[in-house]
Protein backbone atom coordinates (compact mmCIF):
# COMPACT_ATOMS: atom_id res chain seq x y z
CA UNK A 1 0.00 0.00 0.00
CA UNK A 2 1.65 3.19 -1.16
CA UNK A 3 1.48 6.51 0.60
CA UNK A 4 2.06 9.39 -1.79
CA UNK A 5 -0.27 11.95 -0.24
CA UNK A 6 -0.29 12.54 3.49
CA UNK A 7 -3.77 12.15 4.97
CA UNK A 8 -5.37 15.05 6.81
CA UNK A 9 -4.51 15.35 10.48
CA UNK A 10 -6.94 13.11 12.41
CA UNK A 11 -9.59 14.71 14.56
CA UNK A 12 -12.14 13.29 16.93
CA UNK A 13 -15.78 12.55 16.19
CA UNK A 14 -17.73 10.16 13.99
CA UNK A 15 -17.73 12.54 11.02
CA UNK A 16 -13.97 13.09 11.20
CA UNK A 17 -11.69 11.13 8.90
CA UNK A 18 -10.60 8.97 11.83
CA UNK A 19 -14.27 8.31 12.62
CA UNK A 20 -15.03 7.24 9.04
CA UNK A 21 -12.05 4.86 8.96
CA UNK A 22 -12.88 3.34 12.34
CA UNK A 23 -16.57 2.92 11.48
CA UNK A 24 -15.78 1.32 8.11
CA UNK A 25 -13.33 -1.16 9.65
CA UNK A 26 -15.62 -2.03 12.56
CA UNK A 27 -18.61 -2.62 10.27
CA UNK A 28 -16.50 -4.95 8.09
CA UNK A 29 -15.19 -6.83 11.13
CA UNK A 30 -18.66 -7.19 12.62
CA UNK A 31 -20.02 -8.45 9.28
CA UNK A 32 -17.57 -11.35 9.30
CA UNK A 33 -17.33 -12.10 13.02
CA UNK A 34 -20.92 -13.10 13.75
CA UNK A 35 -23.33 -13.43 10.84
CA UNK A 36 -26.51 -15.21 11.98
CA UNK A 37 -29.66 -14.78 9.94
CA UNK A 38 -33.30 -14.11 10.63
CA UNK A 39 -35.83 -15.87 8.37
CA UNK A 40 -38.28 -13.15 7.36
CA UNK A 41 -41.83 -13.81 6.15
CA UNK A 42 -40.90 -17.36 5.11
CA UNK A 43 -39.17 -15.84 2.08
CA UNK A 44 -35.56 -14.88 2.76
CA UNK A 45 -32.82 -14.70 5.36
CA UNK A 46 -31.62 -11.33 6.66
CA UNK A 47 -28.00 -11.47 7.86
CA UNK A 48 -25.93 -9.20 10.09
CA UNK A 49 -23.90 -8.19 7.04
CA UNK A 50 -27.08 -6.93 5.36
CA UNK A 51 -27.34 -4.33 8.14
CA UNK A 52 -23.63 -3.49 8.36
CA UNK A 53 -23.21 -3.06 4.60
CA UNK A 54 -26.24 -0.76 4.66
CA UNK A 55 -24.44 1.28 7.32
CA UNK A 56 -21.29 1.23 5.16
CA UNK A 57 -23.38 2.56 2.27
CA UNK A 58 -24.64 5.36 4.51
CA UNK A 59 -21.01 6.18 5.34
CA UNK A 60 -20.41 6.35 1.60
CA UNK A 61 -23.27 8.82 1.13
CA UNK A 62 -21.88 10.96 3.96
CA UNK A 63 -18.43 10.89 2.35
CA UNK A 64 -19.91 11.76 -1.05
CA UNK A 65 -21.63 14.81 0.46
CA UNK A 66 -18.44 15.77 2.28
CA UNK A 67 -16.27 15.28 -0.85
CA UNK A 68 -18.94 16.86 -3.08
CA UNK A 69 -18.66 14.03 -5.58
CA UNK A 70 -20.21 10.61 -6.10
CA UNK A 71 -17.12 9.25 -7.84
CA UNK A 72 -14.02 7.92 -6.11
CA UNK A 73 -10.84 9.82 -6.92
CA UNK A 74 -8.81 8.32 -9.77
CA UNK A 75 -9.95 6.90 -13.11
CA UNK A 76 -8.66 3.37 -12.49
CA UNK A 77 -10.96 2.88 -9.50
CA UNK A 78 -13.89 3.23 -11.88
CA UNK A 79 -13.01 -0.23 -13.31
CA UNK A 80 -14.48 -2.28 -10.41
CA UNK A 81 -17.36 0.20 -10.14
CA UNK A 82 -18.18 -0.34 -13.83
CA UNK A 83 -18.16 -4.13 -13.31
CA UNK A 84 -20.81 -3.86 -10.60
CA UNK A 85 -22.95 -1.49 -12.67
CA UNK A 86 -22.82 -3.84 -15.65
CA UNK A 87 -23.93 -6.83 -13.56
CA UNK A 88 -26.79 -4.89 -11.99
CA UNK A 89 -27.90 -3.64 -15.41
CA UNK A 90 -27.75 -7.13 -16.86
CA UNK A 91 -29.78 -8.77 -14.10
CA UNK A 92 -32.43 -6.01 -14.32
CA UNK A 93 -32.74 -5.46 -18.07
CA UNK A 94 -32.14 -8.97 -19.39
CA UNK A 95 -34.12 -10.38 -16.47
CA UNK A 96 -37.11 -8.21 -17.40
CA UNK A 97 -36.82 -9.37 -21.00
CA UNK A 98 -36.69 -13.02 -19.87
CA UNK A 99 -39.68 -12.84 -17.55
CA UNK A 100 -42.12 -14.04 -20.20
CA UNK A 101 -40.06 -17.26 -20.44
CA UNK A 102 -40.48 -18.06 -16.73
CA UNK A 103 -42.85 -20.98 -16.12
CA UNK A 104 -45.67 -20.21 -13.70
CA UNK A 105 -44.30 -22.61 -11.09
CA UNK A 106 -40.92 -20.79 -11.16
CA UNK A 107 -42.11 -17.22 -10.61
CA UNK A 108 -41.15 -17.32 -6.92
CA UNK A 109 -37.71 -18.70 -7.77
CA UNK A 110 -37.24 -15.95 -10.39
CA UNK A 111 -37.86 -13.18 -7.88
CA UNK A 112 -35.84 -15.02 -5.25
CA UNK A 113 -32.82 -15.30 -7.58
CA UNK A 114 -33.03 -11.72 -8.81
CA UNK A 115 -33.51 -10.44 -5.29
CA UNK A 116 -30.35 -12.25 -4.22
CA UNK A 117 -28.47 -10.90 -7.25
CA UNK A 118 -29.39 -7.28 -6.53
CA UNK A 119 -28.71 -7.73 -2.84
CA UNK A 120 -25.29 -9.38 -3.23
CA UNK A 121 -23.99 -7.06 -5.94
CA UNK A 122 -25.48 -4.01 -4.22
CA UNK A 123 -23.77 -4.77 -0.91
CA UNK A 124 -20.38 -5.41 -2.50
CA UNK A 125 -20.81 -2.23 -4.57
CA UNK A 126 -21.60 -0.20 -1.42
CA UNK A 127 -18.47 -1.46 0.34
CA UNK A 128 -16.15 -0.94 -2.62
CA UNK A 129 -17.65 2.47 -3.46
CA UNK A 130 -17.29 3.70 0.12
CA UNK A 131 -13.68 2.49 0.24
CA UNK A 132 -12.97 4.43 -2.96
CA UNK A 133 -14.43 7.60 -1.49
CA UNK A 134 -12.53 7.06 1.75
CA UNK A 135 -9.15 6.66 -0.02
CA UNK A 136 -7.40 5.28 3.09
CA UNK A 137 -3.72 5.99 3.66
CA UNK A 138 -1.34 3.10 4.31
CA UNK A 139 -1.84 3.16 8.08
CA UNK A 140 -5.59 3.54 7.71
CA UNK A 141 -5.73 0.63 5.28
CA UNK A 142 -3.82 -1.55 7.74
CA UNK A 143 -6.32 -0.60 10.44
CA UNK A 144 -9.27 -1.55 8.24
CA UNK A 145 -7.66 -4.88 7.31
CA UNK A 146 -6.79 -5.52 10.95
CA UNK A 147 -10.40 -4.92 12.02
CA UNK A 148 -11.69 -7.19 9.26
CA UNK A 149 -9.15 -9.86 10.18
CA UNK A 150 -10.23 -9.78 13.83
CA UNK A 151 -13.76 -10.42 12.61
CA UNK A 152 -12.47 -13.38 10.61
CA UNK A 153 -10.58 -14.61 13.69
CA UNK A 154 -13.74 -14.60 15.80
CA UNK A 155 -15.63 -16.44 13.05
CA UNK A 156 -12.95 -19.13 12.69
CA UNK A 157 -12.46 -19.40 16.44
CA UNK A 158 -16.15 -20.09 17.02
CA UNK A 159 -16.20 -22.81 14.34
CA UNK A 160 -13.03 -24.43 15.73
CA UNK A 161 -14.34 -24.31 19.31
CA UNK A 162 -17.67 -25.86 18.31
CA UNK A 163 -15.96 -28.62 16.33
CA UNK A 164 -13.57 -29.46 19.17
CA UNK A 165 -16.19 -29.39 21.93
CA UNK A 166 -18.63 -31.53 19.94
CA UNK A 167 -15.87 -33.66 18.35
CA UNK A 168 -17.56 -33.04 15.01
CA UNK A 169 -15.51 -32.52 11.83
CA UNK A 170 -16.47 -29.59 9.62
CA UNK A 171 -17.79 -31.53 6.63
CA UNK A 172 -19.84 -29.15 4.56
CA UNK A 173 -19.29 -26.05 2.44
CA UNK A 174 -20.19 -22.95 4.47
CA UNK A 175 -19.02 -19.34 4.79
CA UNK A 176 -16.20 -20.68 7.00
CA UNK A 177 -14.18 -21.68 3.93
CA UNK A 178 -14.19 -18.27 2.18
CA UNK A 179 -13.37 -16.65 5.54
CA UNK A 180 -10.30 -18.89 5.73
CA UNK A 181 -9.48 -18.22 2.07
CA UNK A 182 -8.30 -14.70 2.87
CA UNK A 183 -7.96 -14.95 6.64
CA UNK A 184 -5.03 -17.33 7.02
CA UNK A 185 -2.67 -15.75 4.44
CA UNK A 186 -3.60 -12.24 5.61
CA UNK A 187 -2.92 -13.26 9.21
CA UNK A 188 0.50 -14.45 8.02
CA UNK A 189 1.12 -11.01 6.46
CA UNK A 190 0.48 -9.34 9.82
CA UNK A 191 2.95 -11.72 11.52
CA UNK A 192 5.79 -11.16 9.04
CA UNK A 193 5.42 -7.40 8.62
CA UNK A 194 7.80 -5.00 10.42
CA UNK A 195 5.45 -4.08 13.27
CA UNK A 196 4.16 -7.53 14.25
CA UNK A 197 2.51 -7.94 17.65
CA UNK A 198 2.07 -10.90 20.00
CA UNK A 199 -1.66 -10.79 19.26
CA UNK A 200 -0.82 -11.34 15.57
CA UNK A 201 0.87 -14.63 16.51
CA UNK A 202 -2.12 -15.66 18.62
CA UNK A 203 -4.45 -14.83 15.76
CA UNK A 204 -2.43 -17.01 13.40
CA UNK A 205 -2.71 -19.90 15.89
CA UNK A 206 -6.50 -19.67 15.52
CA UNK A 207 -6.25 -19.73 11.72
CA UNK A 208 -3.78 -22.60 11.93
CA UNK A 209 -6.38 -24.57 13.86
CA UNK A 210 -9.02 -23.60 11.32
CA UNK A 211 -6.83 -24.82 8.47
CA UNK A 212 -7.33 -28.38 9.75
CA UNK A 213 -11.09 -28.08 9.22
CA UNK A 214 -11.23 -26.83 5.63
CA UNK A 215 -13.77 -28.59 3.43
CA UNK A 216 -13.60 -26.72 0.12
CA UNK A 217 -10.81 -28.19 -1.98
CA UNK A 218 -10.45 -24.95 -3.95
CA UNK A 219 -9.99 -23.08 -0.67
CA UNK A 220 -7.34 -25.57 0.46
CA UNK A 221 -5.30 -24.96 -2.70
CA UNK A 222 -5.75 -21.18 -2.42
CA UNK A 223 -4.75 -21.00 1.24
CA UNK A 224 -1.66 -23.15 0.73
CA UNK A 225 -0.52 -21.24 -2.37
CA UNK A 226 -1.16 -17.71 -1.06
CA UNK A 227 0.37 -18.36 2.36
CA UNK A 228 3.43 -20.04 0.84
CA UNK A 229 4.02 -17.09 -1.50
CA UNK A 230 3.84 -14.65 1.43
CA UNK A 231 6.32 -16.64 3.53
CA UNK A 232 8.75 -17.07 0.64
CA UNK A 233 8.54 -13.44 -0.43
CA UNK A 234 9.69 -11.96 2.88
CA UNK A 235 13.08 -13.74 2.65
CA UNK A 236 13.36 -14.02 6.43
CA UNK A 237 13.72 -17.44 8.02
CA UNK A 238 13.03 -15.96 11.45
CA UNK A 239 9.71 -14.38 10.47
CA UNK A 240 8.66 -17.34 8.34
CA UNK A 241 9.57 -19.66 11.20
CA UNK A 242 7.45 -17.65 13.66
CA UNK A 243 4.47 -17.83 11.29
CA UNK A 244 4.86 -21.57 10.71
CA UNK A 245 5.27 -22.19 14.47
CA UNK A 246 2.03 -20.34 15.16
CA UNK A 247 0.17 -22.37 12.53
CA UNK A 248 1.70 -25.59 13.86
CA UNK A 249 0.43 -24.71 17.34
CA UNK A 250 -3.07 -24.45 15.90
CA UNK A 251 -2.69 -27.81 14.15
CA UNK A 252 -1.65 -29.45 17.42
CA UNK A 253 -4.64 -27.99 19.25
CA UNK A 254 -7.06 -29.52 16.73
CA UNK A 255 -5.25 -32.87 16.54
CA UNK A 256 -4.55 -33.39 20.25
CA UNK A 257 -7.32 -31.65 22.19
CA UNK A 258 -10.38 -33.58 20.87
CA UNK A 259 -9.00 -37.02 21.87
CA UNK A 260 -8.17 -35.65 25.32
CA UNK A 261 -11.66 -34.24 25.79
CA UNK A 262 -13.28 -37.40 24.41
CA UNK A 263 -11.00 -39.63 26.49
CA UNK A 264 -10.70 -41.95 23.51
CA UNK A 265 -10.70 -42.06 19.68
CA UNK A 266 -11.69 -38.82 17.97
CA UNK A 267 -13.33 -37.93 14.66
CA UNK A 268 -10.49 -35.46 14.08
CA UNK A 269 -7.88 -38.13 13.36
CA UNK A 270 -6.39 -37.32 9.94
CA UNK A 271 -8.10 -33.91 9.78
CA UNK A 272 -10.86 -32.81 7.44
CA UNK A 273 -8.41 -30.81 5.32
CA UNK A 274 -6.15 -33.81 4.74
CA UNK A 275 -9.05 -36.05 3.73
CA UNK A 276 -10.45 -33.42 1.35
CA UNK A 277 -7.02 -32.65 -0.14
CA UNK A 278 -6.53 -36.34 -0.89
CA UNK A 279 -9.87 -36.36 -2.75
CA UNK A 280 -8.96 -33.53 -5.15
CA UNK A 281 -8.93 -35.99 -8.05
CA UNK A 282 -12.55 -36.88 -7.33
CA UNK A 283 -14.86 -35.34 -9.95
CA UNK A 284 -17.82 -35.13 -7.58
CA UNK A 285 -18.84 -31.69 -6.30
CA UNK A 286 -19.41 -33.21 -2.86
CA UNK A 287 -20.22 -36.61 -1.31
CA UNK A 288 -23.95 -35.88 -1.67
CA UNK A 289 -23.80 -34.68 -5.29
CA UNK A 290 -24.49 -36.91 -8.28
CA UNK A 291 -23.49 -34.87 -11.40
CA UNK A 292 -19.83 -34.20 -12.13
CA UNK A 293 -18.52 -30.75 -12.93
CA UNK A 294 -17.86 -31.87 -16.51
CA UNK A 295 -21.57 -32.55 -16.98
CA UNK A 296 -22.51 -29.18 -15.49
CA UNK A 297 -19.95 -27.37 -17.67
CA UNK A 298 -21.30 -29.02 -20.83
CA UNK A 299 -24.76 -27.81 -19.88
CA UNK A 300 -23.39 -24.29 -19.26
CA UNK A 301 -21.84 -24.25 -22.74
CA UNK A 302 -25.21 -25.28 -24.16
CA UNK A 303 -26.92 -22.43 -22.27
CA UNK A 304 -24.32 -19.97 -23.60
CA UNK A 305 -25.54 -20.65 -27.16
CA UNK A 306 -29.11 -19.56 -26.36
CA UNK A 307 -28.21 -15.86 -26.24
CA UNK A 308 -24.53 -15.67 -27.19
CA UNK A 309 -24.16 -11.86 -27.15
CA UNK A 310 -25.91 -10.64 -24.00
CA UNK A 311 -26.53 -13.97 -22.26
CA UNK A 312 -29.67 -15.37 -20.67
CA UNK A 313 -29.43 -12.91 -17.76
CA UNK A 314 -27.47 -12.80 -14.53
CA UNK A 315 -29.05 -15.29 -12.08
CA UNK A 316 -31.36 -16.58 -14.86
CA UNK A 317 -29.25 -19.71 -15.36
CA UNK A 318 -31.91 -21.82 -13.64
CA UNK A 319 -34.41 -21.18 -16.45
CA UNK A 320 -32.37 -23.29 -18.87
CA UNK A 321 -30.47 -25.67 -16.58
CA UNK A 322 -31.02 -29.36 -17.31
CA UNK A 323 -28.85 -30.74 -14.50
CA UNK A 324 -30.09 -31.64 -11.03
CA UNK A 325 -28.37 -32.83 -7.90
CA UNK A 326 -29.38 -34.76 -4.81
CA UNK A 327 -28.56 -32.83 -1.65
CA UNK A 328 -29.00 -33.55 2.03
CA UNK A 329 -32.09 -31.76 3.29
CA UNK A 330 -33.33 -30.79 -0.17
CA UNK A 331 -36.56 -32.71 0.36
CA UNK A 332 -37.46 -30.38 3.26
CA UNK A 333 -36.90 -27.18 1.24
CA UNK A 334 -39.87 -25.35 -0.36
CA UNK A 335 -40.64 -27.16 -3.64
CA UNK A 336 -41.15 -23.88 -5.53
CA UNK A 337 -37.47 -22.97 -4.98
CA UNK A 338 -36.25 -26.09 -6.83
CA UNK A 339 -33.28 -26.57 -4.50
CA UNK A 340 -32.03 -29.63 -6.43
CA UNK A 341 -31.73 -27.71 -9.71
CA UNK A 342 -28.23 -26.56 -10.66
CA UNK A 343 -28.49 -22.74 -10.77
CA UNK A 344 -24.93 -21.82 -11.77
CA UNK A 345 -22.13 -23.32 -13.83
CA UNK A 346 -19.85 -23.98 -10.82
CA UNK A 347 -17.28 -22.13 -12.93
CA UNK A 348 -17.14 -18.33 -12.86
CA UNK A 349 -16.01 -18.08 -16.47
CA UNK A 350 -18.82 -20.28 -17.77
CA UNK A 351 -21.39 -18.57 -15.55
CA UNK A 352 -20.43 -15.18 -16.99
CA UNK A 353 -20.40 -16.60 -20.53
CA UNK A 354 -23.83 -18.20 -20.22
CA UNK A 355 -25.57 -15.50 -18.16
CA UNK A 356 -23.98 -12.30 -19.53
CA UNK A 357 -22.96 -13.52 -22.99
CA UNK A 358 -19.81 -12.74 -24.93
CA UNK A 359 -20.11 -9.08 -23.88
CA UNK A 360 -20.09 -9.85 -20.17
CA UNK A 361 -17.47 -12.56 -20.56
CA UNK A 362 -15.07 -10.09 -22.23
CA UNK A 363 -15.76 -7.52 -19.50
CA UNK A 364 -15.04 -10.18 -16.85
CA UNK A 365 -11.76 -11.15 -18.53
CA UNK A 366 -10.82 -7.47 -19.00
CA UNK A 367 -11.43 -6.78 -15.31
CA UNK A 368 -9.14 -9.62 -14.25
CA UNK A 369 -6.58 -8.68 -16.88
CA UNK A 370 -6.40 -5.05 -15.68
CA UNK A 371 -6.34 -6.09 -12.01
CA UNK A 372 -3.58 -8.62 -12.58
CA UNK A 373 -1.54 -6.18 -14.68
CA UNK A 374 -1.76 -3.53 -11.94
CA UNK A 375 -0.76 -6.06 -9.27
CA UNK A 376 2.23 -7.16 -11.34
CA UNK A 377 3.34 -3.55 -11.90
CA UNK A 378 3.03 -2.85 -8.17
CA UNK A 379 5.17 -5.90 -7.38
CA UNK A 380 8.33 -3.78 -7.26
CA UNK A 381 7.90 -1.83 -4.07
CA UNK A 382 9.81 -0.90 -0.90
CA UNK A 383 10.94 -3.90 1.22
CA UNK A 384 8.42 -3.14 3.97
CA UNK A 385 5.61 -3.68 1.45
CA UNK A 386 6.94 -6.99 0.10
CA UNK A 387 4.65 -9.23 2.18
CA UNK A 388 1.60 -7.15 1.22
CA UNK A 389 2.45 -7.20 -2.48
CA UNK A 390 3.08 -10.94 -2.36
CA UNK A 391 -0.28 -11.47 -0.64
CA UNK A 392 -2.27 -9.34 -3.09
CA UNK A 393 -0.65 -10.83 -6.19
CA UNK A 394 -0.94 -14.41 -4.92
CA UNK A 395 -4.56 -13.88 -3.83
CA UNK A 396 -5.52 -12.43 -7.21
CA UNK A 397 -3.82 -15.31 -9.03
CA UNK A 398 -5.52 -17.79 -6.70
CA UNK A 399 -8.98 -16.36 -7.23
CA UNK A 400 -8.44 -16.30 -10.99
CA UNK A 401 -7.46 -19.98 -10.75
CA UNK A 402 -10.15 -21.30 -8.42
CA UNK A 403 -12.82 -19.43 -10.40
CA UNK A 404 -12.62 -22.43 -12.72
CA UNK A 405 -14.33 -24.43 -9.96
CA UNK A 406 -16.89 -21.99 -8.62
CA UNK A 407 -18.36 -18.50 -8.55
CA UNK A 408 -15.88 -16.59 -6.40
CA UNK A 409 -15.49 -12.93 -7.39
CA UNK A 410 -19.18 -12.17 -6.83
CA UNK A 411 -20.65 -14.96 -4.67
CA UNK A 412 -23.99 -16.52 -5.58
CA UNK A 413 -25.20 -16.95 -2.01
CA UNK A 414 -25.97 -14.07 0.42
CA UNK A 415 -24.24 -15.94 3.25
CA UNK A 416 -20.91 -15.60 1.39
CA UNK A 417 -21.06 -11.81 1.07
CA UNK A 418 -19.37 -11.09 4.41
CA UNK A 419 -16.10 -12.94 3.67
CA UNK A 420 -16.13 -11.54 0.12
CA UNK A 421 -15.84 -8.04 1.60
CA UNK A 422 -12.19 -8.76 2.42
CA UNK A 423 -11.08 -9.67 -1.10
CA UNK A 424 -13.01 -6.74 -2.54
CA UNK A 425 -11.23 -4.44 -0.06
CA UNK A 426 -7.92 -5.97 -1.19
CA UNK A 427 -8.85 -5.39 -4.85
CA UNK A 428 -9.98 -1.85 -4.03
CA UNK A 429 -6.67 -1.08 -2.31
CA UNK A 430 -4.80 -2.33 -5.38
CA UNK A 431 -6.69 0.18 -7.55
CA UNK A 432 -6.23 2.99 -5.00
CA UNK A 433 -2.47 2.33 -4.98
CA UNK A 434 -2.40 2.36 -8.79
CA UNK A 435 -4.26 5.69 -8.96
CA UNK A 436 -1.88 7.21 -6.41
CA UNK A 437 1.12 5.92 -8.33
CA UNK A 438 -0.29 7.42 -11.53
CA UNK A 439 -0.89 10.79 -9.81
CA UNK A 440 2.62 10.74 -8.35
CA UNK A 441 4.17 10.10 -11.75
CA UNK A 442 2.04 12.84 -13.33
CA UNK A 443 3.22 15.36 -10.71
CA UNK A 444 6.83 14.31 -11.25
CA UNK A 445 6.53 14.94 -15.00
CA UNK A 446 5.22 18.44 -14.37
């Protein structure tokens, strides 16, 4: 994170710059830490992050009034903003055009899917937009990330504690996995940076314990790759050793404590992560799923030919899907939500191709291309930023890679919005750094 322009001197009060930064970070941390839901009117779940992202949006409006502009400073930051606007426009306009194709028994599902689409994209837009208006300095950005990481630590700690106390392995895909996706490598960054604290080591112990409970195989690969890049990039055996020792302490807690509490054999022997990693060659989506990804991807390619230019509409995949799955508990779900119907390609590239057409697919590729190019250009930076640059570049590469196996950049489920806030903050900070670098070079030329 570069610092080319000194931030204004902090002052007290909620409407001061310090107040905006603290409120933004606390809302992000709270979103991730505890995210229970309330089932409203037998229609949808309202989560804690729905409230906190609304508050973040209000902060954005206050900043826009204060800055006298709706647009974040810097032209590059408009790239992620344009991506969100395109997705919202697609789901509204193409969705309206598709409505006459919706069977009568799927009307509820149509509104349910489009409601989720607007809600998910809107909340991520609010967070990213507010961050762009805030334009945090290096120290402010670290504070925001620290607050978000403490939220992730609480989330992971609660899952680990529940699994240990009940001697129950974590054997399902939940928001826990995307929390770990950014949490563990980011916790490692805080340990290896120049101003590491004892609490950073303790936090990494918690994530080390959580790494034994990972279920998503894509998350396992991402966490291992991103964390390894961070530890190798710092070129310090002492710091890398401290990080690895903290993670090892977490592993020992998960492996040794359950048998002691159970006074006998434990379900944790071998670890969920190890079992799932060894099953990476398995083509099944999960133990309860019948169709393979290859079958789903072939169906996605078929759907992409229905409307090759503009797509069938964001979150309208279900209208043309011909693949179903058998899931635990699906029989108890409302029949008019068709819970066994595959509603996405389980591949971000194919989902964009089928739902937003060639136009959206090219925009998606362009977004990742610009983001990756910026991250590569920012790779050369002062030594104190090496761990951060390694983390951002490795995380971007990882997300680009695991997007082959799922919808990652913009999650499909509302429960995954909270952890997604972290990687959108990371992406936002990359664009803020790039705009500052561009401004600095422009001033130097003049």
